[in-house]
Amino acid sequence: MKELKKRITENGIDYVLVGDYYIPDLKLPEENRPIGKYGSLHRTYLKECHLARYSNLILTGELWTYLADLNEQAQERLDTIMEQMKAVEGVTEELKAANQMEWVQRLNNIRNQAEEIIYAELVYV
């Protein structure tokens, strides 16, 4: 009987010999970035509202990268929106030195408004 090769490649897929069978040697891409708050929220949204898209991302091995990218975009957008809103509403270091409680209240309000924008534009779409 003919000796079987330990590894073969057919149609661009590597196969490994296990016993008498060739099993696909599939590996997911290595991704070390965290998905963070916005990536987690979007993952839950995909599971509940767009199951086909979620399944496709899992099967292609792109889910973690997709969520990490989304989280980074959301964080960058949040920082940009907050800086713009702080400038428009006059939330400055002078206000912080003069009245810390008002500064914190206004900054929290700006953060909440900016997060609502992020949710509408990136997370829940």
PDB file of N, CA and C in Angstrom:
ATOM      1  N   MET A   1       0.833  -1.181   0.000  1.00  0.00           N
ATOM      2  CA  MET A   1       0.000   0.000   0.000  1.00  0.00           C
ATOM      3  C   MET A   1       0.880   1.248   0.000  1.00  0.00           C
ATOM      4  N   LYS A   2       0.379   2.293  -0.603  1.00  0.00           N
ATOM      5  CA  LYS A   2       1.122   3.538  -0.767  1.00  0.00           C
ATOM      6  C   LYS A   2       1.161   4.325   0.546  1.00  0.00           C
ATOM      7  N   GLU A   3       2.342   4.898   0.863  1.00  0.00           N
ATOM      8  CA  GLU A   3       2.529   5.720   2.078  1.00  0.00           C
ATOM      9  C   GLU A   3       1.835   7.071   1.896  1.00  0.00           C
ATOM     10  N   LEU A   4       1.015   7.465   2.869  1.00  0.00           N
ATOM     11  CA  LEU A   4       0.302   8.750   2.801  1.00  0.00           C
ATOM     12  C   LEU A   4       1.188   9.882   3.316  1.00  0.00           C
ATOM     13  N   LYS A   5       1.111  11.023   2.664  1.00  0.00           N
ATOM     14  CA  LYS A   5       1.864  12.199   3.098  1.00  0.00           C
ATOM     15  C   LYS A   5       1.256  12.763   4.376  1.00  0.00           C
ATOM     16  N   LYS A   6       2.121  13.338   5.233  1.00  0.00           N
ATOM     17  CA  LYS A   6       1.636  13.919   6.503  1.00  0.00           C
ATOM     18  C   LYS A   6       0.809  15.177   6.275  1.00  0.00           C
ATOM     19  N   ARG A   7       1.187  15.979   5.253  1.00  0.00           N
ATOM     20  CA  ARG A   7       0.480  17.228   4.945  1.00  0.00           C
ATOM     21  C   ARG A   7       0.268  17.313   3.442  1.00  0.00           C
ATOM     22  N   ILE A   8      -0.921  17.771   3.055  1.00  0.00           N
ATOM     23  CA  ILE A   8      -1.189  18.036   1.640  1.00  0.00           C
ATOM     24  C   ILE A   8      -1.935  19.369   1.536  1.00  0.00           C
ATOM     25  N   THR A   9      -1.932  19.941   0.341  1.00  0.00           N
ATOM     26  CA  THR A   9      -2.668  21.173   0.080  1.00  0.00           C
ATOM     27  C   THR A   9      -3.528  20.962  -1.149  1.00  0.00           C
ATOM     28  N   GLU A  10      -4.819  21.229  -0.998  1.00  0.00           N
ATOM     29  CA  GLU A  10      -5.747  21.150  -2.122  1.00  0.00           C
ATOM     30  C   GLU A  10      -6.681  22.343  -2.059  1.00  0.00           C
ATOM     31  N   ASN A  11      -6.883  22.974  -3.208  1.00  0.00           N
ATOM     32  CA  ASN A  11      -7.775  24.141  -3.312  1.00  0.00           C
ATOM     33  C   ASN A  11      -7.399  25.231  -2.319  1.00  0.00           C
ATOM     34  N   GLY A  12      -6.123  25.390  -2.046  1.00  0.00           N
ATOM     35  CA  GLY A  12      -5.666  26.449  -1.153  1.00  0.00           C
ATOM     36  C   GLY A  12      -5.839  26.147   0.325  1.00  0.00           C
ATOM     37  N   ILE A  13      -6.238  24.934   0.679  1.00  0.00           N
ATOM     38  CA  ILE A  13      -6.439  24.549   2.076  1.00  0.00           C
ATOM     39  C   ILE A  13      -5.432  23.468   2.441  1.00  0.00           C
ATOM     40  N   ASP A  14      -4.742  23.654   3.557  1.00  0.00           N
ATOM     41  CA  ASP A  14      -3.798  22.650   4.045  1.00  0.00           C
ATOM     42  C   ASP A  14      -4.550  21.582   4.831  1.00  0.00           C
ATOM     43  N   TYR A  15      -4.138  20.337   4.636  1.00  0.00           N
ATOM     44  CA  TYR A  15      -4.725  19.204   5.348  1.00  0.00           C
ATOM     45  C   TYR A  15      -3.626  18.450   6.075  1.00  0.00           C
ATOM     46  N   VAL A  16      -3.955  17.931   7.266  1.00  0.00           N
ATOM     47  CA  VAL A  16      -3.022  17.166   8.084  1.00  0.00           C
ATOM     48  C   VAL A  16      -3.563  15.748   8.201  1.00  0.00           C
ATOM     49  N   LEU A  17      -2.664  14.795   8.082  1.00  0.00           N
ATOM     50  CA  LEU A  17      -3.053  13.390   8.193  1.00  0.00           C
ATOM     51  C   LEU A  17      -3.239  13.024   9.663  1.00  0.00           C
ATOM     52  N   VAL A  18      -4.433  12.568  10.004  1.00  0.00           N
ATOM     53  CA  VAL A  18      -4.736  12.100  11.354  1.00  0.00           C
ATOM     54  C   VAL A  18      -5.320  10.696  11.190  1.00  0.00           C
ATOM     55  N   GLY A  19      -4.545   9.708  11.564  1.00  0.00           N
ATOM     56  CA  GLY A  19      -4.980   8.329  11.340  1.00  0.00           C
ATOM     57  C   GLY A  19      -5.011   8.060   9.840  1.00  0.00           C
ATOM     58  N   ASP A  20      -6.187   7.703   9.324  1.00  0.00           N
ATOM     59  CA  ASP A  20      -6.355   7.460   7.892  1.00  0.00           C
ATOM     60  C   ASP A  20      -7.053   8.611   7.182  1.00  0.00           C
ATOM     61  N   TYR A  21      -7.312   9.704   7.887  1.00  0.00           N
ATOM     62  CA  TYR A  21      -8.094  10.811   7.340  1.00  0.00           C
ATOM     63  C   TYR A  21      -7.277  12.091   7.267  1.00  0.00           C
ATOM     64  N   TYR A  22      -7.576  12.892   6.280  1.00  0.00           N
ATOM     65  CA  TYR A  22      -7.001  14.235   6.181  1.00  0.00           C
ATOM     66  C   TYR A  22      -8.004  15.232   6.754  1.00  0.00           C
ATOM     67  N   ILE A  23      -7.537  16.008   7.713  1.00  0.00           N
ATOM     68  CA  ILE A  23      -8.393  17.004   8.379  1.00  0.00           C
ATOM     69  C   ILE A  23      -7.858  18.387   8.032  1.00  0.00           C
ATOM     70  N   PRO A  24      -8.756  19.342   7.701  1.00  0.00           N
ATOM     71  CA  PRO A  24      -8.281  20.696   7.370  1.00  0.00           C
ATOM     72  C   PRO A  24      -7.507  21.313   8.534  1.00  0.00           C
ATOM     73  N   ASP A  25      -6.387  21.932   8.207  1.00  0.00           N
ATOM     74  CA  ASP A  25      -5.543  22.602   9.199  1.00  0.00           C
ATOM     75  C   ASP A  25      -5.932  24.085   9.202  1.00  0.00           C
ATOM     76  N   LEU A  26      -7.006  24.387   9.907  1.00  0.00           N
ATOM     77  CA  LEU A  26      -7.541  25.749   9.937  1.00  0.00           C
ATOM     78  C   LEU A  26      -7.028  26.484  11.158  1.00  0.00           C
ATOM     79  N   LYS A  27      -6.618  27.739  10.948  1.00  0.00           N
ATOM     80  CA  LYS A  27      -6.137  28.563  12.044  1.00  0.00           C
ATOM     81  C   LYS A  27      -6.805  29.919  11.956  1.00  0.00           C
ATOM     82  N   LEU A  28      -7.250  30.420  13.093  1.00  0.00           N
ATOM     83  CA  LEU A  28      -7.823  31.753  13.143  1.00  0.00           C
ATOM     84  C   LEU A  28      -6.698  32.773  13.190  1.00  0.00           C
ATOM     85  N   PRO A  29      -6.931  33.962  12.621  1.00  0.00           N
ATOM     86  CA  PRO A  29      -5.890  34.985  12.696  1.00  0.00           C
ATOM     87  C   PRO A  29      -5.634  35.393  14.142  1.00  0.00           C
ATOM     88  N   GLU A  30      -4.380  35.690  14.428  1.00  0.00           N
ATOM     89  CA  GLU A  30      -3.986  36.082  15.784  1.00  0.00           C
ATOM     90  C   GLU A  30      -4.332  37.550  15.994  1.00  0.00           C
ATOM     91  N   GLU A  31      -5.154  37.837  16.995  1.00  0.00           N
ATOM     92  CA  GLU A  31      -5.559  39.214  17.302  1.00  0.00           C
ATOM     93  C   GLU A  31      -5.434  39.426  18.797  1.00  0.00           C
ATOM     94  N   ASN A  32      -4.625  40.404  19.186  1.00  0.00           N
ATOM     95  CA  ASN A  32      -4.375  40.637  20.605  1.00  0.00           C
ATOM     96  C   ASN A  32      -5.000  41.922  21.131  1.00  0.00           C
ATOM     97  N   ARG A  33      -5.597  42.709  20.254  1.00  0.00           N
ATOM     98  CA  ARG A  33      -6.197  43.964  20.712  1.00  0.00           C
ATOM     99  C   ARG A  33      -7.494  43.677  21.463  1.00  0.00           C
ATOM    100  N   PRO A  34      -7.781  44.450  22.508  1.00  0.00           N
ATOM    101  CA  PRO A  34      -9.045  44.251  23.229  1.00  0.00           C
ATOM    102  C   PRO A  34     -10.215  44.816  22.430  1.00  0.00           C
ATOM    103  N   ILE A  35     -11.398  44.240  22.619  1.00  0.00           N
ATOM    104  CA  ILE A  35     -12.569  44.760  21.916  1.00  0.00           C
ATOM    105  C   ILE A  35     -13.233  45.889  22.697  1.00  0.00           C
ATOM    106  N   GLY A  36     -12.942  46.026  23.968  1.00  0.00           N
ATOM    107  CA  GLY A  36     -13.409  47.164  24.755  1.00  0.00           C
ATOM    108  C   GLY A  36     -14.919  47.253  24.912  1.00  0.00           C
ATOM    109  N   LYS A  37     -15.339  48.371  25.445  1.00  0.00           N
ATOM    110  CA  LYS A  37     -16.748  48.622  25.745  1.00  0.00           C
ATOM    111  C   LYS A  37     -17.609  48.642  24.484  1.00  0.00           C
ATOM    112  N   TYR A  38     -17.184  49.407  23.488  1.00  0.00           N
ATOM    113  CA  TYR A  38     -18.010  49.581  22.290  1.00  0.00           C
ATOM    114  C   TYR A  38     -18.016  48.329  21.433  1.00  0.00           C
ATOM    115  N   GLY A  39     -16.905  47.604  21.380  1.00  0.00           N
ATOM    116  CA  GLY A  39     -16.867  46.338  20.664  1.00  0.00           C
ATOM    117  C   GLY A  39     -17.781  45.308  21.309  1.00  0.00           C
ATOM    118  N   SER A  40     -17.797  45.276  22.633  1.00  0.00           N
ATOM    119  CA  SER A  40     -18.676  44.335  23.350  1.00  0.00           C
ATOM    120  C   SER A  40     -20.139  44.660  23.108  1.00  0.00           C
ATOM    121  N   LEU A  41     -20.463  45.940  23.165  1.00  0.00           N
ATOM    122  CA  LEU A  41     -21.848  46.348  22.912  1.00  0.00           C
ATOM    123  C   LEU A  41     -22.269  45.987  21.492  1.00  0.00           C
ATOM    124  N   HIS A  42     -21.379  46.209  20.534  1.00  0.00           N
ATOM    125  CA  HIS A  42     -21.707  45.897  19.141  1.00  0.00           C
ATOM    126  C   HIS A  42     -21.826  44.392  18.923  1.00  0.00           C
ATOM    127  N   ARG A  43     -20.983  43.617  19.593  1.00  0.00           N
ATOM    128  CA  ARG A  43     -21.085  42.157  19.480  1.00  0.00           C
ATOM    129  C   ARG A  43     -22.446  41.676  19.973  1.00  0.00           C
ATOM    130  N   THR A  44     -22.898  42.199  21.099  1.00  0.00           N
ATOM    131  CA  THR A  44     -24.211  41.833  21.623  1.00  0.00           C
ATOM    132  C   THR A  44     -25.315  42.244  20.649  1.00  0.00           C
ATOM    133  N   TYR A  45     -25.176  43.429  20.082  1.00  0.00           N
ATOM    134  CA  TYR A  45     -26.153  43.908  19.095  1.00  0.00           C
ATOM    135  C   TYR A  45     -26.190  42.977  17.882  1.00  0.00           C
ATOM    136  N   LEU A  46     -25.023  42.588  17.386  1.00  0.00           N
ATOM    137  CA  LEU A  46     -24.983  41.680  16.240  1.00  0.00           C
ATOM    138  C   LEU A  46     -25.633  40.340  16.571  1.00  0.00           C
ATOM    139  N   LYS A  47     -25.349  39.802  17.761  1.00  0.00           N
ATOM    140  CA  LYS A  47     -25.944  38.516  18.175  1.00  0.00           C
ATOM    141  C   LYS A  47     -27.463  38.588  18.195  1.00  0.00           C
ATOM    142  N   GLU A  48     -27.992  39.705  18.694  1.00  0.00           N
ATOM    143  CA  GLU A  48     -29.435  39.823  18.881  1.00  0.00           C
ATOM    144  C   GLU A  48     -30.178  40.281  17.632  1.00  0.00           C
ATOM    145  N   CYS A  49     -29.557  41.118  16.815  1.00  0.00           N
ATOM    146  CA  CYS A  49     -30.286  41.746  15.712  1.00  0.00           C
ATOM    147  C   CYS A  49     -29.797  41.365  14.317  1.00  0.00           C
ATOM    148  N   HIS A  50     -28.565  40.936  14.196  1.00  0.00           N
ATOM    149  CA  HIS A  50     -27.995  40.597  12.888  1.00  0.00           C
ATOM    150  C   HIS A  50     -27.213  39.290  12.997  1.00  0.00           C
ATOM    151  N   LEU A  51     -27.916  38.231  13.282  1.00  0.00           N
ATOM    152  CA  LEU A  51     -27.290  36.937  13.541  1.00  0.00           C
ATOM    153  C   LEU A  51     -26.518  36.406  12.332  1.00  0.00           C
ATOM    154  N   ALA A  52     -27.029  36.647  11.115  1.00  0.00           N
ATOM    155  CA  ALA A  52     -26.343  36.160   9.917  1.00  0.00           C
ATOM    156  C   ALA A  52     -24.981  36.850   9.769  1.00  0.00           C
ATOM    157  N   ARG A  53     -24.935  38.146   9.974  1.00  0.00           N
ATOM    158  CA  ARG A  53     -23.662  38.889   9.888  1.00  0.00           C
ATOM    159  C   ARG A  53     -22.701  38.414  10.977  1.00  0.00           C
ATOM    160  N   TYR A  54     -23.222  38.240  12.194  1.00  0.00           N
ATOM    161  CA  TYR A  54     -22.415  37.755  13.318  1.00  0.00           C
ATOM    162  C   TYR A  54     -21.820  36.379  13.000  1.00  0.00           C
ATOM    163  N   SER A  55     -22.643  35.471  12.498  1.00  0.00           N
ATOM    164  CA  SER A  55     -22.180  34.116  12.161  1.00  0.00           C
ATOM    165  C   SER A  55     -21.127  34.156  11.061  1.00  0.00           C
ATOM    166  N   ASN A  56     -21.340  35.005  10.065  1.00  0.00           N
ATOM    167  CA  ASN A  56     -20.378  35.121   8.978  1.00  0.00           C
ATOM    168  C   ASN A  56     -19.024  35.619   9.491  1.00  0.00           C
ATOM    169  N   LEU A  57     -19.039  36.614  10.379  1.00  0.00           N
ATOM    170  CA  LEU A  57     -17.788  37.125  10.939  1.00  0.00           C
ATOM    171  C   LEU A  57     -17.063  36.056  11.760  1.00  0.00           C
ATOM    172  N   ILE A  58     -17.817  35.253  12.482  1.00  0.00           N
ATOM    173  CA  ILE A  58     -17.203  34.170  13.261  1.00  0.00           C
ATOM    174  C   ILE A  58     -16.600  33.123  12.333  1.00  0.00           C
ATOM    175  N   LEU A  59     -17.355  32.705  11.328  1.00  0.00           N
ATOM    176  CA  LEU A  59     -16.891  31.645  10.436  1.00  0.00           C
ATOM    177  C   LEU A  59     -15.674  32.055   9.614  1.00  0.00           C
ATOM    178  N   THR A  60     -15.556  33.330   9.290  1.00  0.00           N
ATOM    179  CA  THR A  60     -14.402  33.795   8.518  1.00  0.00           C
ATOM    180  C   THR A  60     -13.232  34.164   9.420  1.00  0.00           C
ATOM    181  N   GLY A  61     -13.443  34.149  10.745  1.00  0.00           N
ATOM    182  CA  GLY A  61     -12.378  34.463  11.682  1.00  0.00           C
ATOM    183  C   GLY A  61     -12.101  35.961  11.801  1.00  0.00           C
ATOM    184  N   GLU A  62     -13.028  36.793  11.369  1.00  0.00           N
ATOM    185  CA  GLU A  62     -12.826  38.241  11.354  1.00  0.00           C
ATOM    186  C   GLU A  62     -13.517  38.969  12.502  1.00  0.00           C
ATOM    187  N   LEU A  63     -14.259  38.268  13.342  1.00  0.00           N
ATOM    188  CA  LEU A  63     -15.060  38.937  14.361  1.00  0.00           C
ATOM    189  C   LEU A  63     -14.213  39.771  15.311  1.00  0.00           C
ATOM    190  N   TRP A  64     -13.170  39.190  15.880  1.00  0.00           N
ATOM    191  CA  TRP A  64     -12.385  39.904  16.894  1.00  0.00           C
ATOM    192  C   TRP A  64     -11.706  41.138  16.303  1.00  0.00           C
ATOM    193  N   THR A  65     -11.154  41.002  15.101  1.00  0.00           N
ATOM    194  CA  THR A  65     -10.514  42.136  14.430  1.00  0.00           C
ATOM    195  C   THR A  65     -11.534  43.228  14.132  1.00  0.00           C
ATOM    196  N   TYR A  66     -12.691  42.829  13.646  1.00  0.00           N
ATOM    197  CA  TYR A  66     -13.767  43.767  13.341  1.00  0.00           C
ATOM    198  C   TYR A  66     -14.188  44.544  14.591  1.00  0.00           C
ATOM    199  N   LEU A  67     -14.373  43.839  15.695  1.00  0.00           N
ATOM    200  CA  LEU A  67     -14.798  44.498  16.934  1.00  0.00           C
ATOM    201  C   LEU A  67     -13.700  45.388  17.519  1.00  0.00           C
ATOM    202  N   ALA A  68     -12.446  44.958  17.417  1.00  0.00           N
ATOM    203  CA  ALA A  68     -11.334  45.780  17.908  1.00  0.00           C
ATOM    204  C   ALA A  68     -11.212  47.057  17.085  1.00  0.00           C
ATOM    205  N   ASP A  69     -11.371  46.948  15.771  1.00  0.00           N
ATOM    206  CA  ASP A  69     -11.339  48.135  14.908  1.00  0.00           C
ATOM    207  C   ASP A  69     -12.481  49.081  15.248  1.00  0.00           C
ATOM    208  N   LEU A  70     -13.673  48.526  15.426  1.00  0.00           N
ATOM    209  CA  LEU A  70     -14.832  49.354  15.773  1.00  0.00           C
ATOM    210  C   LEU A  70     -14.615  50.065  17.096  1.00  0.00           C
ATOM    211  N   ASN A  71     -14.071  49.377  18.083  1.00  0.00           N
ATOM    212  CA  ASN A  71     -13.819  49.985  19.380  1.00  0.00           C
ATOM    213  C   ASN A  71     -12.826  51.138  19.265  1.00  0.00           C
ATOM    214  N   GLU A  72     -11.771  50.947  18.479  1.00  0.00           N
ATOM    215  CA  GLU A  72     -10.785  52.013  18.299  1.00  0.00           C
ATOM    216  C   GLU A  72     -11.400  53.218  17.593  1.00  0.00           C
ATOM    217  N   GLN A  73     -12.207  52.961  16.563  1.00  0.00           N
ATOM    218  CA  GLN A  73     -12.876  54.056  15.862  1.00  0.00           C
ATOM    219  C   GLN A  73     -13.817  54.805  16.793  1.00  0.00           C
ATOM    220  N   ALA A  74     -14.571  54.073  17.589  1.00  0.00           N
ATOM    221  CA  ALA A  74     -15.515  54.694  18.508  1.00  0.00           C
ATOM    222  C   ALA A  74     -14.786  55.539  19.545  1.00  0.00           C
ATOM    223  N   GLN A  75     -13.685  55.040  20.071  1.00  0.00           N
ATOM    224  CA  GLN A  75     -12.936  55.785  21.082  1.00  0.00           C
ATOM    225  C   GLN A  75     -12.345  57.066  20.493  1.00  0.00           C
ATOM    226  N   GLU A  76     -11.787  56.965  19.290  1.00  0.00           N
ATOM    227  CA  GLU A  76     -11.244  58.148  18.633  1.00  0.00           C
ATOM    228  C   GLU A  76     -12.337  59.174  18.349  1.00  0.00           C
ATOM    229  N   ARG A  77     -13.466  58.693  17.867  1.00  0.00           N
ATOM    230  CA  ARG A  77     -14.603  59.595  17.567  1.00  0.00           C
ATOM    231  C   ARG A  77     -15.114  60.233  18.851  1.00  0.00           C
ATOM    232  N   LEU A  78     -15.209  59.481  19.926  1.00  0.00           N
ATOM    233  CA  LEU A  78     -15.653  60.013  21.212  1.00  0.00           C
ATOM    234  C   LEU A  78     -14.723  61.129  21.687  1.00  0.00           C
ATOM    235  N   ASP A  79     -13.428  60.898  21.608  1.00  0.00           N
ATOM    236  CA  ASP A  79     -12.458  61.919  22.028  1.00  0.00           C
ATOM    237  C   ASP A  79     -12.594  63.183  21.192  1.00  0.00           C
ATOM    238  N   THR A  80     -12.760  63.025  19.882  1.00  0.00           N
ATOM    239  CA  THR A  80     -12.900  64.178  18.993  1.00  0.00           C
ATOM    240  C   THR A  80     -14.168  64.964  19.309  1.00  0.00           C
ATOM    241  N   ILE A  81     -15.281  64.260  19.449  1.00  0.00           N
ATOM    242  CA  ILE A  81     -16.558  64.925  19.741  1.00  0.00           C
ATOM    243  C   ILE A  81     -16.485  65.652  21.077  1.00  0.00           C
ATOM    244  N   MET A  82     -15.904  65.004  22.082  1.00  0.00           N
ATOM    245  CA  MET A  82     -15.821  65.636  23.405  1.00  0.00           C
ATOM    246  C   MET A  82     -14.973  66.905  23.361  1.00  0.00           C
ATOM    247  N   GLU A  83     -13.844  66.868  22.662  1.00  0.00           N
ATOM    248  CA  GLU A  83     -13.004  68.064  22.560  1.00  0.00           C
ATOM    249  C   GLU A  83     -13.741  69.191  21.865  1.00  0.00           C
ATOM    250  N   GLN A  84     -14.468  68.881  20.806  1.00  0.00           N
ATOM    251  CA  GLN A  84     -15.228  69.905  20.093  1.00  0.00           C
ATOM    252  C   GLN A  84     -16.336  70.485  20.965  1.00  0.00           C
ATOM    253  N   MET A  85     -17.042  69.621  21.669  1.00  0.00           N
ATOM    254  CA  MET A  85     -18.140  70.095  22.521  1.00  0.00           C
ATOM    255  C   MET A  85     -17.608  70.894  23.711  1.00  0.00           C
ATOM    256  N   LYS A  86     -16.473  70.498  24.260  1.00  0.00           N
ATOM    257  CA  LYS A  86     -15.879  71.262  25.364  1.00  0.00           C
ATOM    258  C   LYS A  86     -15.523  72.673  24.906  1.00  0.00           C
ATOM    259  N   ALA A  87     -14.995  72.790  23.695  1.00  0.00           N
ATOM    260  CA  ALA A  87     -14.634  74.109  23.171  1.00  0.00           C
ATOM    261  C   ALA A  87     -15.880  74.964  22.943  1.00  0.00           C
ATOM    262  N   VAL A  88     -16.925  74.372  22.404  1.00  0.00           N
ATOM    263  CA  VAL A  88     -18.154  75.117  22.123  1.00  0.00           C
ATOM    264  C   VAL A  88     -18.847  75.557  23.407  1.00  0.00           C
ATOM    265  N   GLU A  89     -18.880  74.693  24.409  1.00  0.00           N
ATOM    266  CA  GLU A  89     -19.598  74.993  25.645  1.00  0.00           C
ATOM    267  C   GLU A  89     -18.737  75.689  26.695  1.00  0.00           C
ATOM    268  N   GLY A  90     -17.491  75.930  26.391  1.00  0.00           N
ATOM    269  CA  GLY A  90     -16.631  76.683  27.302  1.00  0.00           C
ATOM    270  C   GLY A  90     -16.214  75.931  28.552  1.00  0.00           C
ATOM    271  N   VAL A  91     -16.045  74.629  28.430  1.00  0.00           N
ATOM    272  CA  VAL A  91     -15.581  73.825  29.560  1.00  0.00           C
ATOM    273  C   VAL A  91     -14.051  73.843  29.493  1.00  0.00           C
ATOM    274  N   THR A  92     -13.442  74.667  30.320  1.00  0.00           N
ATOM    275  CA  THR A  92     -11.999  74.900  30.277  1.00  0.00           C
ATOM    276  C   THR A  92     -11.355  74.582  31.617  1.00  0.00           C
ATOM    277  N   GLU A  93     -10.040  74.671  31.632  1.00  0.00           N
ATOM    278  CA  GLU A  93      -9.297  74.472  32.875  1.00  0.00           C
ATOM    279  C   GLU A  93      -9.571  75.622  33.853  1.00  0.00           C
ATOM    280  N   GLU A  94      -9.879  76.805  33.325  1.00  0.00           N
ATOM    281  CA  GLU A  94     -10.225  77.932  34.201  1.00  0.00           C
ATOM    282  C   GLU A  94     -11.515  77.639  34.967  1.00  0.00           C
ATOM    283  N   LEU A  95     -12.490  77.053  34.256  1.00  0.00           N
ATOM    284  CA  LEU A  95     -13.742  76.670  34.925  1.00  0.00           C
ATOM    285  C   LEU A  95     -13.465  75.605  35.975  1.00  0.00           C
ATOM    286  N   LYS A  96     -12.587  74.671  35.664  1.00  0.00           N
ATOM    287  CA  LYS A  96     -12.230  73.626  36.619  1.00  0.00           C
ATOM    288  C   LYS A  96     -11.614  74.221  37.886  1.00  0.00           C
ATOM    289  N   ALA A  97     -10.749  75.213  37.716  1.00  0.00           N
ATOM    290  CA  ALA A  97     -10.115  75.848  38.874  1.00  0.00           C
ATOM    291  C   ALA A  97     -11.125  76.681  39.672  1.00  0.00           C
ATOM    292  N   ALA A  98     -12.065  77.306  38.981  1.00  0.00           N
ATOM    293  CA  ALA A  98     -13.026  78.195  39.647  1.00  0.00           C
ATOM    294  C   ALA A  98     -14.168  77.420  40.311  1.00  0.00           C
ATOM    295  N   ASN A  99     -14.706  76.415  39.626  1.00  0.00           N
ATOM    296  CA  ASN A  99     -15.887  75.708  40.141  1.00  0.00           C
ATOM    297  C   ASN A  99     -15.826  74.248  39.691  1.00  0.00           C
ATOM    298  N   GLN A 100     -15.229  73.409  40.520  1.00  0.00           N
ATOM    299  CA  GLN A 100     -15.022  72.009  40.130  1.00  0.00           C
ATOM    300  C   GLN A 100     -16.324  71.250  39.920  1.00  0.00           C
ATOM    301  N   MET A 101     -17.316  71.472  40.760  1.00  0.00           N
ATOM    302  CA  MET A 101     -18.580  70.735  40.633  1.00  0.00           C
ATOM    303  C   MET A 101     -19.279  71.056  39.315  1.00  0.00           C
ATOM    304  N   GLU A 102     -19.311  72.306  38.936  1.00  0.00           N
ATOM    305  CA  GLU A 102     -19.935  72.678  37.653  1.00  0.00           C
ATOM    306  C   GLU A 102     -19.147  72.075  36.501  1.00  0.00           C
ATOM    307  N   TRP A 103     -17.807  72.093  36.601  1.00  0.00           N
ATOM    308  CA  TRP A 103     -16.961  71.528  35.557  1.00  0.00           C
ATOM    309  C   TRP A 103     -17.246  70.030  35.383  1.00  0.00           C
ATOM    310  N   VAL A 104     -17.345  69.304  36.492  1.00  0.00           N
ATOM    311  CA  VAL A 104     -17.624  67.865  36.437  1.00  0.00           C
ATOM    312  C   VAL A 104     -19.008  67.613  35.848  1.00  0.00           C
ATOM    313  N   GLN A 105     -19.996  68.379  36.272  1.00  0.00           N
ATOM    314  CA  GLN A 105     -21.355  68.205  35.755  1.00  0.00           C
ATOM    315  C   GLN A 105     -21.400  68.439  34.247  1.00  0.00           C
ATOM    316  N   ARG A 106     -20.778  69.504  33.795  1.00  0.00           N
ATOM    317  CA  ARG A 106     -20.801  69.827  32.379  1.00  0.00           C
ATOM    318  C   ARG A 106     -20.001  68.801  31.560  1.00  0.00           C
ATOM    319  N   LEU A 107     -18.888  68.351  32.116  1.00  0.00           N
ATOM    320  CA  LEU A 107     -18.089  67.343  31.421  1.00  0.00           C
ATOM    321  C   LEU A 107     -18.847  66.013  31.321  1.00  0.00           C
ATOM    322  N   ASN A 108     -19.525  65.610  32.377  1.00  0.00           N
ATOM    323  CA  ASN A 108     -20.344  64.392  32.342  1.00  0.00           C
ATOM    324  C   ASN A 108     -21.466  64.520  31.319  1.00  0.00           C
ATOM    325  N   ASN A 109     -22.077  65.703  31.248  1.00  0.00           N
ATOM    326  CA  ASN A 109     -23.135  65.940  30.281  1.00  0.00           C
ATOM    327  C   ASN A 109     -22.598  65.816  28.853  1.00  0.00           C
ATOM    328  N   ILE A 110     -21.434  66.396  28.618  1.00  0.00           N
ATOM    329  CA  ILE A 110     -20.801  66.310  27.295  1.00  0.00           C
ATOM    330  C   ILE A 110     -20.479  64.859  26.955  1.00  0.00           C
ATOM    331  N   ARG A 111     -19.936  64.118  27.913  1.00  0.00           N
ATOM    332  CA  ARG A 111     -19.595  62.705  27.670  1.00  0.00           C
ATOM    333  C   ARG A 111     -20.849  61.885  27.334  1.00  0.00           C
ATOM    334  N   ASN A 112     -21.930  62.119  28.058  1.00  0.00           N
ATOM    335  CA  ASN A 112     -23.176  61.397  27.782  1.00  0.00           C
ATOM    336  C   ASN A 112     -23.702  61.713  26.390  1.00  0.00           C
ATOM    337  N   GLN A 113     -23.661  62.977  26.008  1.00  0.00           N
ATOM    338  CA  GLN A 113     -24.121  63.358  24.670  1.00  0.00           C
ATOM    339  C   GLN A 113     -23.236  62.731  23.594  1.00  0.00           C
ATOM    340  N   ALA A 114     -21.931  62.765  23.804  1.00  0.00           N
ATOM    341  CA  ALA A 114     -20.999  62.190  22.832  1.00  0.00           C
ATOM    342  C   ALA A 114     -21.201  60.677  22.716  1.00  0.00           C
ATOM    343  N   GLU A 115     -21.431  59.993  23.827  1.00  0.00           N
ATOM    344  CA  GLU A 115     -21.663  58.543  23.774  1.00  0.00           C
ATOM    345  C   GLU A 115     -22.951  58.217  23.028  1.00  0.00           C
ATOM    346  N   GLU A 116     -23.979  59.022  23.176  1.00  0.00           N
ATOM    347  CA  GLU A 116     -25.216  58.800  22.428  1.00  0.00           C
ATOM    348  C   GLU A 116     -24.952  58.885  20.927  1.00  0.00           C
ATOM    349  N   ILE A 117     -24.110  59.810  20.529  1.00  0.00           N
ATOM    350  CA  ILE A 117     -23.746  59.934  19.113  1.00  0.00           C
ATOM    351  C   ILE A 117     -22.994  58.686  18.654  1.00  0.00           C
ATOM    352  N   ILE A 118     -22.058  58.214  19.469  1.00  0.00           N
ATOM    353  CA  ILE A 118     -21.276  57.013  19.144  1.00  0.00           C
ATOM    354  C   ILE A 118     -22.204  55.811  19.014  1.00  0.00           C
ATOM    355  N   TYR A 119     -23.142  55.680  19.932  1.00  0.00           N
ATOM    356  CA  TYR A 119     -24.084  54.556  19.855  1.00  0.00           C
ATOM    357  C   TYR A 119     -24.869  54.589  18.551  1.00  0.00           C
ATOM    358  N   ALA A 120     -25.343  55.785  18.189  1.00  0.00           N
ATOM    359  CA  ALA A 120     -26.172  55.905  16.983  1.00  0.00           C
ATOM    360  C   ALA A 120     -25.360  55.719  15.702  1.00  0.00           C
ATOM    361  N   GLU A 121     -24.112  56.190  15.689  1.00  0.00           N
ATOM    362  CA  GLU A 121     -23.312  56.148  14.465  1.00  0.00           C
ATOM    363  C   GLU A 121     -22.539  54.851  14.270  1.00  0.00           C
ATOM    364  N   LEU A 122     -22.068  54.236  15.355  1.00  0.00           N
ATOM    365  CA  LEU A 122     -21.170  53.090  15.206  1.00  0.00           C
ATOM    366  C   LEU A 122     -21.659  51.798  15.854  1.00  0.00           C
ATOM    367  N   VAL A 123     -22.208  51.890  17.039  1.00  0.00           N
ATOM    368  CA  VAL A 123     -22.485  50.666  17.803  1.00  0.00           C
ATOM    369  C   VAL A 123     -23.787  49.997  17.359  1.00  0.00           C
ATOM    370  N   TYR A 124     -24.861  50.742  17.248  1.00  0.00           N
ATOM    371  CA  TYR A 124     -26.165  50.145  16.976  1.00  0.00           C
ATOM    372  C   TYR A 124     -26.609  50.409  15.548  1.00  0.00           C
ATOM    373  N   VAL A 125     -25.755  50.049  14.600  1.00  0.00           N
ATOM    374  CA  VAL A 125     -26.099  50.168  13.171  1.00  0.00           C
ATOM    375  C   VAL A 125     -25.824  48.870  12.469  1.00  0.00           C
TER     376      VAL A 125
END
